[in-house]
Amino acid sequence: MDRRRFLSWFGISWVAFAAATTGALSIVLRYLFPNVLFEPPTSFKAGFPSDYEVGVVDERWKEKYGAWIIRTAEGIYALATICTHLGCTPNWLSTENKFKCPCHGSGFYKTGINFEGPAPRPLERYRISLAEDGQILVDKSKKFQQEKGEWNNSESFLSL
């Protein structure tokens, strides 16, 4: 092997070594600065009670917070937008006056009670209360299940 060929291979070796070292160093640095997971807040203000019509399912919080707000003559409650069968997002069909899951056909009344399809239980409710400024405050960290009798809890329903 002549001198020129030796220096050429020697240079290629150093470049490969430098690339491998840089790659290993980047992995170590990536470990020191992990991804930060930004999750939406677990509670949100949903406006004033007067913003909601009686008997209407309000879908303005469905995409952003995963909640429907329903006002009845007695008060207001917030339903989770998660089907209790496999976790799909049901759609509100106002013409049929029901929630219908597109995945497997589960149907729920406006109250959240299941009446058709494979869903084993009703939709869950979120904690709902009035904030100090008079707005509705929905707390998704606390859920209430109808089959456990938790819908009778005063935090699952906002009396007006």
N, C-alpha and C. Protein backbone atom coordinates (compact mmCIF):
# COMPACT_ATOMS: atom_id res chain seq x y z
N MET A 1 0.85 -1.16 0.00
CA MET A 1 0.00 0.00 0.00
C MET A 1 0.91 1.24 0.00
N ASP A 2 0.67 2.12 -0.90
CA ASP A 2 1.51 3.32 -0.96
C ASP A 2 1.02 4.38 0.03
N ARG A 3 1.81 5.40 0.17
CA ARG A 3 1.55 6.43 1.18
C ARG A 3 0.24 7.19 0.90
N ARG A 4 -0.03 7.50 -0.34
CA ARG A 4 -1.25 8.24 -0.70
C ARG A 4 -2.51 7.43 -0.36
N ARG A 5 -2.50 6.16 -0.66
CA ARG A 5 -3.64 5.29 -0.36
C ARG A 5 -3.81 5.13 1.15
N PHE A 6 -2.72 5.01 1.88
CA PHE A 6 -2.78 4.89 3.35
C PHE A 6 -3.40 6.14 3.96
N LEU A 7 -2.97 7.33 3.54
CA LEU A 7 -3.52 8.58 4.08
C LEU A 7 -5.00 8.74 3.71
N SER A 8 -5.37 8.28 2.55
CA SER A 8 -6.77 8.33 2.13
C SER A 8 -7.64 7.47 3.06
N TRP A 9 -7.22 6.23 3.31
CA TRP A 9 -7.97 5.35 4.22
C TRP A 9 -7.92 5.88 5.65
N PHE A 10 -6.80 6.44 6.03
CA PHE A 10 -6.68 7.01 7.37
C PHE A 10 -7.66 8.18 7.55
N GLY A 11 -7.80 9.01 6.55
CA GLY A 11 -8.74 10.14 6.59
C GLY A 11 -10.19 9.66 6.65
N ILE A 12 -10.51 8.66 5.84
CA ILE A 12 -11.86 8.09 5.84
C ILE A 12 -12.18 7.49 7.21
N SER A 13 -11.19 6.84 7.81
CA SER A 13 -11.39 6.25 9.14
C SER A 13 -11.71 7.33 10.17
N TRP A 14 -10.98 8.43 10.14
CA TRP A 14 -11.23 9.51 11.09
C TRP A 14 -12.60 10.15 10.87
N VAL A 15 -13.01 10.31 9.66
CA VAL A 15 -14.34 10.87 9.36
C VAL A 15 -15.42 9.92 9.89
N ALA A 16 -15.25 8.62 9.69
CA ALA A 16 -16.22 7.64 10.20
C ALA A 16 -16.25 7.65 11.72
N PHE A 17 -15.09 7.74 12.33
CA PHE A 17 -15.02 7.81 13.80
C PHE A 17 -15.70 9.07 14.33
N ALA A 18 -15.46 10.19 13.68
CA ALA A 18 -16.08 11.45 14.10
C ALA A 18 -17.60 11.38 13.94
N ALA A 19 -18.07 10.78 12.85
CA ALA A 19 -19.52 10.65 12.63
C ALA A 19 -20.16 9.76 13.69
N ALA A 20 -19.51 8.65 14.01
CA ALA A 20 -20.03 7.74 15.04
C ALA A 20 -20.06 8.42 16.40
N THR A 21 -19.00 9.16 16.72
CA THR A 21 -18.94 9.87 18.00
C THR A 21 -20.02 10.94 18.07
N THR A 22 -20.23 11.67 16.99
CA THR A 22 -21.27 12.69 16.95
C THR A 22 -22.65 12.06 17.11
N GLY A 23 -22.88 10.94 16.46
CA GLY A 23 -24.16 10.24 16.60
C GLY A 23 -24.41 9.79 18.02
N ALA A 24 -23.39 9.22 18.66
CA ALA A 24 -23.53 8.77 20.05
C ALA A 24 -23.76 9.96 20.98
N LEU A 25 -23.07 11.04 20.74
CA LEU A 25 -23.24 12.24 21.56
C LEU A 25 -24.64 12.83 21.38
N SER A 26 -25.15 12.79 20.16
CA SER A 26 -26.50 13.32 19.95
C SER A 26 -27.55 12.48 20.68
N ILE A 27 -27.33 11.18 20.77
CA ILE A 27 -28.26 10.32 21.51
C ILE A 27 -28.22 10.66 23.00
N VAL A 28 -27.04 10.89 23.53
CA VAL A 28 -26.90 11.26 24.94
C VAL A 28 -27.57 12.61 25.19
N LEU A 29 -27.33 13.58 24.32
CA LEU A 29 -27.97 14.89 24.48
C LEU A 29 -29.48 14.80 24.36
N ARG A 30 -29.98 13.96 23.46
CA ARG A 30 -31.43 13.77 23.30
C ARG A 30 -32.03 13.19 24.58
N TYR A 31 -31.31 12.33 25.24
CA TYR A 31 -31.75 11.76 26.50
C TYR A 31 -31.86 12.83 27.59
N LEU A 32 -30.94 13.78 27.57
CA LEU A 32 -30.94 14.83 28.59
C LEU A 32 -32.06 15.85 28.37
N PHE A 33 -32.58 15.95 27.16
CA PHE A 33 -33.66 16.89 26.85
C PHE A 33 -34.84 16.11 26.26
N PRO A 34 -35.66 15.49 27.12
CA PRO A 34 -36.76 14.64 26.62
C PRO A 34 -37.89 15.47 26.03
N ASN A 35 -38.75 14.79 25.29
CA ASN A 35 -39.95 15.43 24.75
C ASN A 35 -40.83 15.89 25.89
N VAL A 36 -41.44 17.01 25.73
CA VAL A 36 -42.39 17.50 26.71
C VAL A 36 -43.77 17.25 26.14
N LEU A 37 -44.60 16.58 26.90
CA LEU A 37 -45.95 16.26 26.46
C LEU A 37 -46.90 17.35 26.94
N PHE A 38 -47.48 18.06 26.01
CA PHE A 38 -48.43 19.10 26.35
C PHE A 38 -49.83 18.53 26.24
N GLU A 39 -50.51 18.43 27.35
CA GLU A 39 -51.88 17.93 27.37
C GLU A 39 -52.82 19.09 27.64
N PRO A 40 -54.03 19.00 27.11
CA PRO A 40 -54.97 20.07 27.39
C PRO A 40 -55.31 20.08 28.88
N PRO A 41 -55.70 21.22 29.39
CA PRO A 41 -56.03 21.30 30.81
C PRO A 41 -57.20 20.39 31.16
N THR A 42 -57.22 19.91 32.39
CA THR A 42 -58.29 19.00 32.80
C THR A 42 -59.56 19.75 33.18
N SER A 43 -59.46 21.05 33.37
CA SER A 43 -60.68 21.82 33.65
C SER A 43 -60.72 23.03 32.72
N PHE A 44 -61.93 23.45 32.42
CA PHE A 44 -62.11 24.59 31.53
C PHE A 44 -63.40 25.31 31.87
N LYS A 45 -63.45 26.59 31.53
CA LYS A 45 -64.66 27.38 31.71
C LYS A 45 -65.47 27.30 30.43
N ALA A 46 -66.75 27.02 30.58
CA ALA A 46 -67.61 26.79 29.43
C ALA A 46 -68.64 27.90 29.23
N GLY A 47 -68.37 29.08 29.74
CA GLY A 47 -69.31 30.19 29.56
C GLY A 47 -70.35 30.25 30.66
N PHE A 48 -71.31 31.10 30.47
CA PHE A 48 -72.36 31.30 31.46
C PHE A 48 -73.55 30.39 31.20
N PRO A 49 -74.29 30.01 32.24
CA PRO A 49 -75.45 29.14 32.04
C PRO A 49 -76.47 29.71 31.04
N SER A 50 -76.57 31.02 30.98
CA SER A 50 -77.53 31.63 30.05
C SER A 50 -77.12 31.44 28.58
N ASP A 51 -75.88 31.02 28.34
CA ASP A 51 -75.41 30.77 26.97
C ASP A 51 -75.97 29.47 26.39
N TYR A 52 -76.61 28.66 27.20
CA TYR A 52 -77.08 27.35 26.78
C TYR A 52 -78.60 27.30 26.76
N GLU A 53 -79.14 26.74 25.67
CA GLU A 53 -80.59 26.59 25.53
C GLU A 53 -81.06 25.31 26.21
N VAL A 54 -82.24 25.36 26.76
CA VAL A 54 -82.84 24.19 27.41
C VAL A 54 -83.16 23.14 26.35
N GLY A 55 -82.77 21.90 26.60
CA GLY A 55 -83.07 20.79 25.72
C GLY A 55 -82.15 20.64 24.52
N VAL A 56 -81.10 21.44 24.45
CA VAL A 56 -80.18 21.39 23.30
C VAL A 56 -78.83 20.84 23.75
N VAL A 57 -78.27 19.95 22.94
CA VAL A 57 -76.92 19.42 23.20
C VAL A 57 -75.93 20.39 22.56
N ASP A 58 -75.09 21.00 23.37
CA ASP A 58 -74.12 21.98 22.88
C ASP A 58 -72.81 21.26 22.55
N GLU A 59 -72.38 21.35 21.30
CA GLU A 59 -71.20 20.62 20.84
C GLU A 59 -69.95 21.48 20.70
N ARG A 60 -69.97 22.71 21.19
CA ARG A 60 -68.81 23.59 20.97
C ARG A 60 -67.55 23.13 21.69
N TRP A 61 -67.66 22.28 22.70
CA TRP A 61 -66.49 21.81 23.46
C TRP A 61 -66.11 20.38 23.10
N LYS A 62 -66.77 19.81 22.12
CA LYS A 62 -66.52 18.41 21.74
C LYS A 62 -65.10 18.19 21.23
N GLU A 63 -64.65 18.99 20.29
CA GLU A 63 -63.33 18.79 19.68
C GLU A 63 -62.20 19.17 20.63
N LYS A 64 -62.30 20.33 21.26
CA LYS A 64 -61.20 20.85 22.06
C LYS A 64 -61.05 20.16 23.41
N TYR A 65 -62.18 19.90 24.10
CA TYR A 65 -62.11 19.35 25.45
C TYR A 65 -62.79 17.99 25.60
N GLY A 66 -63.46 17.50 24.59
CA GLY A 66 -64.10 16.19 24.68
C GLY A 66 -65.29 16.18 25.62
N ALA A 67 -66.14 17.20 25.53
CA ALA A 67 -67.31 17.27 26.42
C ALA A 67 -68.49 17.89 25.69
N TRP A 68 -69.67 17.35 25.99
CA TRP A 68 -70.92 17.96 25.56
C TRP A 68 -71.55 18.59 26.78
N ILE A 69 -72.14 19.76 26.63
CA ILE A 69 -72.85 20.43 27.71
C ILE A 69 -74.33 20.37 27.35
N ILE A 70 -75.14 19.85 28.25
CA ILE A 70 -76.57 19.71 28.02
C ILE A 70 -77.31 20.44 29.13
N ARG A 71 -78.23 21.30 28.73
CA ARG A 71 -79.05 22.01 29.71
C ARG A 71 -80.46 21.46 29.64
N THR A 72 -80.99 21.14 30.82
CA THR A 72 -82.37 20.68 30.94
C THR A 72 -83.13 21.72 31.77
N ALA A 73 -84.40 21.48 32.00
CA ALA A 73 -85.19 22.39 32.82
C ALA A 73 -84.69 22.41 34.26
N GLU A 74 -84.10 21.30 34.70
CA GLU A 74 -83.61 21.20 36.08
C GLU A 74 -82.21 21.76 36.26
N GLY A 75 -81.38 21.70 35.22
CA GLY A 75 -80.00 22.15 35.36
C GLY A 75 -79.14 21.80 34.17
N ILE A 76 -77.83 21.71 34.43
CA ILE A 76 -76.85 21.47 33.38
C ILE A 76 -75.92 20.32 33.78
N TYR A 77 -75.56 19.48 32.80
CA TYR A 77 -74.56 18.44 33.04
C TYR A 77 -73.63 18.35 31.84
N ALA A 78 -72.44 17.79 32.07
CA ALA A 78 -71.42 17.65 31.03
C ALA A 78 -71.15 16.18 30.81
N LEU A 79 -71.34 15.72 29.58
CA LEU A 79 -71.09 14.31 29.22
C LEU A 79 -69.75 14.17 28.53
N ALA A 80 -69.06 13.07 28.83
CA ALA A 80 -67.81 12.74 28.15
C ALA A 80 -68.11 12.28 26.73
N THR A 81 -67.27 12.64 25.78
CA THR A 81 -67.47 12.26 24.38
C THR A 81 -66.74 10.96 24.05
N ILE A 82 -66.74 10.04 24.99
CA ILE A 82 -66.04 8.77 24.81
C ILE A 82 -67.05 7.63 24.96
N CYS A 83 -67.20 6.85 23.90
CA CYS A 83 -68.11 5.70 23.95
C CYS A 83 -67.57 4.69 24.95
N THR A 84 -68.46 4.13 25.74
CA THR A 84 -68.05 3.17 26.77
C THR A 84 -67.79 1.78 26.21
N HIS A 85 -67.93 1.60 24.91
CA HIS A 85 -67.62 0.31 24.32
C HIS A 85 -66.12 0.19 24.03
N LEU A 86 -65.62 0.99 23.06
CA LEU A 86 -64.21 0.92 22.70
C LEU A 86 -63.54 2.29 22.65
N GLY A 87 -64.20 3.33 23.12
CA GLY A 87 -63.57 4.64 23.22
C GLY A 87 -63.66 5.52 22.00
N CYS A 88 -64.50 5.19 21.04
CA CYS A 88 -64.69 6.07 19.88
C CYS A 88 -65.46 7.32 20.32
N THR A 89 -65.56 8.29 19.43
CA THR A 89 -66.31 9.50 19.74
C THR A 89 -67.66 9.45 19.04
N PRO A 90 -68.73 9.33 19.81
CA PRO A 90 -70.07 9.33 19.21
C PRO A 90 -70.40 10.69 18.60
N ASN A 91 -71.39 10.70 17.74
CA ASN A 91 -71.89 11.93 17.12
C ASN A 91 -73.28 12.21 17.63
N TRP A 92 -73.60 13.48 17.79
CA TRP A 92 -74.95 13.86 18.19
C TRP A 92 -75.80 13.99 16.93
N LEU A 93 -76.86 13.21 16.86
CA LEU A 93 -77.79 13.25 15.74
C LEU A 93 -79.04 13.98 16.21
N SER A 94 -79.13 15.26 15.94
CA SER A 94 -80.25 16.06 16.45
C SER A 94 -81.58 15.63 15.85
N THR A 95 -81.58 15.14 14.61
CA THR A 95 -82.83 14.71 13.99
C THR A 95 -83.39 13.46 14.66
N GLU A 96 -82.50 12.61 15.18
CA GLU A 96 -82.94 11.39 15.86
C GLU A 96 -82.92 11.55 17.38
N ASN A 97 -82.42 12.69 17.84
CA ASN A 97 -82.36 13.01 19.27
C ASN A 97 -81.58 11.95 20.06
N LYS A 98 -80.39 11.59 19.54
CA LYS A 98 -79.56 10.60 20.23
C LYS A 98 -78.10 10.76 19.82
N PHE A 99 -77.23 10.19 20.65
CA PHE A 99 -75.81 10.08 20.32
C PHE A 99 -75.63 8.72 19.66
N LYS A 100 -74.87 8.68 18.56
CA LYS A 100 -74.65 7.43 17.84
C LYS A 100 -73.16 7.26 17.60
N CYS A 101 -72.61 6.13 18.05
CA CYS A 101 -71.19 5.85 17.87
C CYS A 101 -70.96 5.30 16.46
N PRO A 102 -70.05 5.91 15.70
CA PRO A 102 -69.82 5.45 14.33
C PRO A 102 -69.04 4.14 14.23
N CYS A 103 -68.39 3.73 15.31
CA CYS A 103 -67.55 2.53 15.23
C CYS A 103 -68.36 1.24 15.24
N HIS A 104 -69.25 1.08 16.21
CA HIS A 104 -69.99 -0.17 16.32
C HIS A 104 -71.48 0.02 16.55
N GLY A 105 -71.97 1.25 16.39
CA GLY A 105 -73.41 1.49 16.41
C GLY A 105 -74.05 1.66 17.77
N SER A 106 -73.30 1.89 18.82
CA SER A 106 -73.92 2.11 20.12
C SER A 106 -74.72 3.40 20.08
N GLY A 107 -75.87 3.37 20.72
CA GLY A 107 -76.73 4.54 20.78
C GLY A 107 -76.96 4.97 22.22
N PHE A 108 -77.01 6.27 22.43
CA PHE A 108 -77.20 6.83 23.77
C PHE A 108 -78.27 7.92 23.70
N TYR A 109 -79.15 7.96 24.71
CA TYR A 109 -80.11 9.04 24.81
C TYR A 109 -79.39 10.33 25.16
N LYS A 110 -80.12 11.44 25.12
CA LYS A 110 -79.55 12.74 25.46
C LYS A 110 -79.01 12.76 26.89
N THR A 111 -79.56 11.92 27.75
CA THR A 111 -79.09 11.85 29.13
C THR A 111 -77.77 11.10 29.25
N GLY A 112 -77.39 10.36 28.20
CA GLY A 112 -76.17 9.56 28.23
C GLY A 112 -76.43 8.09 28.46
N ILE A 113 -77.67 7.71 28.70
CA ILE A 113 -78.03 6.31 28.94
C ILE A 113 -77.95 5.54 27.62
N ASN A 114 -77.29 4.38 27.65
CA ASN A 114 -77.18 3.54 26.45
C ASN A 114 -78.47 2.75 26.23
N PHE A 115 -78.87 2.61 24.97
CA PHE A 115 -80.09 1.86 24.67
C PHE A 115 -79.95 0.93 23.48
N GLU A 116 -78.84 1.04 22.73
CA GLU A 116 -78.65 0.12 21.61
C GLU A 116 -77.16 -0.09 21.37
N GLY A 117 -76.85 -1.21 20.74
CA GLY A 117 -75.47 -1.50 20.41
C GLY A 117 -74.70 -2.17 21.53
N PRO A 118 -73.41 -2.34 21.32
CA PRO A 118 -72.60 -3.10 22.28
C PRO A 118 -72.09 -2.32 23.50
N ALA A 119 -72.36 -1.03 23.59
CA ALA A 119 -71.87 -0.25 24.74
C ALA A 119 -72.42 -0.86 26.03
N PRO A 120 -71.54 -1.23 26.97
CA PRO A 120 -71.99 -1.92 28.18
C PRO A 120 -72.60 -1.01 29.25
N ARG A 121 -72.36 0.30 29.14
CA ARG A 121 -72.86 1.20 30.17
C ARG A 121 -73.05 2.61 29.60
N PRO A 122 -73.72 3.48 30.35
CA PRO A 122 -73.95 4.85 29.87
C PRO A 122 -72.66 5.66 29.77
N LEU A 123 -72.77 6.80 29.09
CA LEU A 123 -71.65 7.73 29.01
C LEU A 123 -71.36 8.29 30.40
N GLU A 124 -70.14 8.73 30.61
CA GLU A 124 -69.76 9.28 31.91
C GLU A 124 -70.00 10.78 31.93
N ARG A 125 -70.25 11.30 33.13
CA ARG A 125 -70.39 12.73 33.32
C ARG A 125 -69.12 13.28 33.96
N TYR A 126 -68.84 14.56 33.67
CA TYR A 126 -67.73 15.26 34.30
C TYR A 126 -68.26 16.12 35.45
N ARG A 127 -67.37 16.42 36.38
CA ARG A 127 -67.73 17.33 37.47
C ARG A 127 -68.03 18.70 36.87
N ILE A 128 -69.10 19.30 37.35
CA ILE A 128 -69.51 20.60 36.84
C ILE A 128 -69.91 21.49 38.01
N SER A 129 -69.49 22.74 37.95
CA SER A 129 -69.81 23.69 39.03
C SER A 129 -69.78 25.09 38.46
N LEU A 130 -70.09 26.06 39.32
CA LEU A 130 -70.00 27.46 38.92
C LEU A 130 -68.72 28.05 39.49
N ALA A 131 -67.97 28.74 38.65
CA ALA A 131 -66.75 29.42 39.09
C ALA A 131 -67.16 30.71 39.81
N GLU A 132 -66.19 31.36 40.41
CA GLU A 132 -66.46 32.59 41.15
C GLU A 132 -67.03 33.70 40.27
N ASP A 133 -66.66 33.71 39.01
CA ASP A 133 -67.17 34.74 38.10
C ASP A 133 -68.52 34.38 37.49
N GLY A 134 -69.13 33.27 37.92
CA GLY A 134 -70.44 32.87 37.44
C GLY A 134 -70.44 32.00 36.21
N GLN A 135 -69.26 31.67 35.68
CA GLN A 135 -69.18 30.80 34.52
C GLN A 135 -69.22 29.34 34.94
N ILE A 136 -69.61 28.50 34.00
CA ILE A 136 -69.64 27.05 34.24
C ILE A 136 -68.20 26.55 34.21
N LEU A 137 -67.83 25.77 35.21
CA LEU A 137 -66.49 25.19 35.29
C LEU A 137 -66.63 23.67 35.19
N VAL A 138 -66.03 23.09 34.15
CA VAL A 138 -66.08 21.64 33.92
C VAL A 138 -64.72 21.07 34.29
N ASP A 139 -64.72 20.07 35.17
CA ASP A 139 -63.48 19.43 35.62
C ASP A 139 -63.47 17.99 35.13
N LYS A 140 -62.64 17.72 34.11
CA LYS A 140 -62.58 16.40 33.51
C LYS A 140 -61.80 15.38 34.34
N SER A 141 -61.14 15.83 35.40
CA SER A 141 -60.37 14.89 36.22
C SER A 141 -61.27 14.05 37.12
N LYS A 142 -62.51 14.46 37.27
CA LYS A 142 -63.47 13.70 38.09
C LYS A 142 -64.63 13.27 37.21
N LYS A 143 -64.83 11.95 37.09
CA LYS A 143 -65.90 11.40 36.28
C LYS A 143 -66.92 10.70 37.17
N PHE A 144 -68.16 10.70 36.71
CA PHE A 144 -69.25 10.07 37.45
C PHE A 144 -69.92 9.04 36.55
N GLN A 145 -70.13 7.83 37.10
CA GLN A 145 -70.74 6.74 36.35
C GLN A 145 -72.16 6.49 36.88
N GLN A 146 -73.09 6.37 35.96
CA GLN A 146 -74.50 6.18 36.33
C GLN A 146 -74.73 4.85 37.03
N GLU A 147 -74.08 3.80 36.56
CA GLU A 147 -74.33 2.47 37.13
C GLU A 147 -73.83 2.33 38.56
N LYS A 148 -72.98 3.23 39.00
CA LYS A 148 -72.51 3.23 40.38
C LYS A 148 -73.32 4.19 41.25
N GLY A 149 -74.35 4.79 40.67
CA GLY A 149 -75.19 5.73 41.41
C GLY A 149 -74.54 7.10 41.60
N GLU A 150 -73.47 7.38 40.84
CA GLU A 150 -72.74 8.63 41.03
C GLU A 150 -73.41 9.83 40.35
N TRP A 151 -74.39 9.58 39.49
CA TRP A 151 -75.08 10.70 38.86
C TRP A 151 -75.95 11.45 39.87
N ASN A 152 -76.20 10.84 41.03
CA ASN A 152 -76.96 11.51 42.08
C ASN A 152 -76.09 12.48 42.87
N ASN A 153 -74.77 12.39 42.66
CA ASN A 153 -73.83 13.28 43.34
C ASN A 153 -74.07 14.72 42.86
N SER A 154 -74.06 15.66 43.77
CA SER A 154 -74.33 17.05 43.42
C SER A 154 -73.28 17.66 42.49
N GLU A 155 -72.10 17.07 42.43
CA GLU A 155 -71.05 17.60 41.54
C GLU A 155 -71.21 17.15 40.09
N SER A 156 -72.07 16.16 39.85
CA SER A 156 -72.26 15.68 38.47
C SER A 156 -73.34 16.44 37.74
N PHE A 157 -74.00 17.36 38.42
CA PHE A 157 -75.14 18.07 37.86
C PHE A 157 -75.18 19.46 38.46
N LEU A 158 -75.34 20.45 37.65
CA LEU A 158 -75.41 21.84 38.12
C LEU A 158 -76.87 22.26 38.17
N SER A 159 -77.42 22.37 39.37
CA SER A 159 -78.82 22.78 39.53
C SER A 159 -78.93 24.28 39.34
N LEU A 160 -79.97 24.68 38.61
CA LEU A 160 -80.18 26.12 38.37
C LEU A 160 -81.46 26.60 38.99
